[in-house]
Amino acid sequence: MNAMVTTEKLAELTGYSKGAIHMKVKKGVWIKNEHYYKAPDGKLIFVVEMVYQWFKENAK
């Protein structure tokens, strides 16, 4: 199973602020049910492997 983390933990792991993370979700940069899931309580849960894959694919 892929590691899944909260916004706060993802911010620690990546160095992105929580605001930057939420902006990537809002703008559709990270895709629901691929890069993150929305839990029944509304909390966003991120798939670490998919976020890192996005970094690698979009690194310049």
Protein backbone atom coordinates (compact mmCIF):
# COMPACT_ATOMS: atom_id res chain seq x y z
CA MET A 1 0.00 0.00 0.00
CA ASN A 2 1.18 3.51 -0.79
CA ALA A 3 1.85 5.79 2.16
CA MET A 4 -0.91 8.33 2.65
CA VAL A 5 -0.45 11.50 4.68
CA THR A 6 -2.28 14.63 5.77
CA THR A 7 -1.64 18.09 4.38
CA GLU A 8 0.48 18.91 7.41
CA LYS A 9 2.72 15.88 6.98
CA LEU A 10 3.03 16.45 3.22
CA ALA A 11 4.17 20.01 3.95
CA GLU A 12 6.89 18.59 6.22
CA LEU A 13 7.98 16.03 3.63
CA THR A 14 8.05 18.34 0.61
CA GLY A 15 8.77 21.80 1.97
CA TYR A 16 5.62 23.20 0.35
CA SER A 17 3.45 25.32 2.62
CA LYS A 18 -0.04 24.09 3.43
CA GLY A 19 -1.35 26.99 1.32
CA ALA A 20 0.73 25.94 -1.68
CA ILE A 21 -0.53 22.37 -1.32
CA HIS A 22 -4.14 23.52 -1.21
CA MET A 23 -3.55 25.75 -4.25
CA LYS A 24 -2.25 22.76 -6.25
CA VAL A 25 -5.46 20.91 -5.36
CA LYS A 26 -7.68 23.91 -6.13
CA LYS A 27 -6.04 24.55 -9.53
CA GLY A 28 -6.21 20.86 -10.48
CA VAL A 29 -2.45 20.40 -10.60
CA TRP A 30 -2.86 17.40 -8.31
CA ILE A 31 -5.76 15.16 -9.30
CA LYS A 32 -8.40 13.80 -6.94
CA ASN A 33 -8.27 10.00 -6.54
CA GLU A 34 -4.76 10.00 -8.01
CA HIS A 35 -2.60 12.38 -5.99
CA TYR A 36 -5.03 12.79 -3.11
CA TYR A 37 -8.31 11.58 -1.68
CA LYS A 38 -10.98 13.42 0.23
CA ALA A 39 -11.85 11.54 3.42
CA PRO A 40 -15.48 11.25 4.56
CA ASP A 41 -14.84 14.02 7.10
CA GLY A 42 -13.57 16.34 4.33
CA LYS A 43 -9.88 16.07 5.19
CA LEU A 44 -7.46 15.76 2.26
CA ILE A 45 -5.18 12.74 2.34
CA PHE A 46 -2.24 12.63 -0.09
CA VAL A 47 -0.60 9.62 -1.74
CA VAL A 48 3.09 10.30 -1.17
CA GLU A 49 4.31 8.11 -4.03
CA MET A 50 2.08 9.88 -6.56
CA VAL A 51 3.13 13.34 -5.37
CA TYR A 52 6.80 12.36 -5.65
CA GLN A 53 6.12 10.96 -9.11
CA TRP A 54 4.60 14.32 -10.08
CA PHE A 55 7.78 16.05 -8.81
CA LYS A 56 9.99 13.79 -10.92
CA GLU A 57 7.89 14.13 -14.07
CA ASN A 58 7.73 17.92 -13.82
CA ALA A 59 11.25 18.69 -12.62
CA LYS A 60 13.17 21.01 -14.90
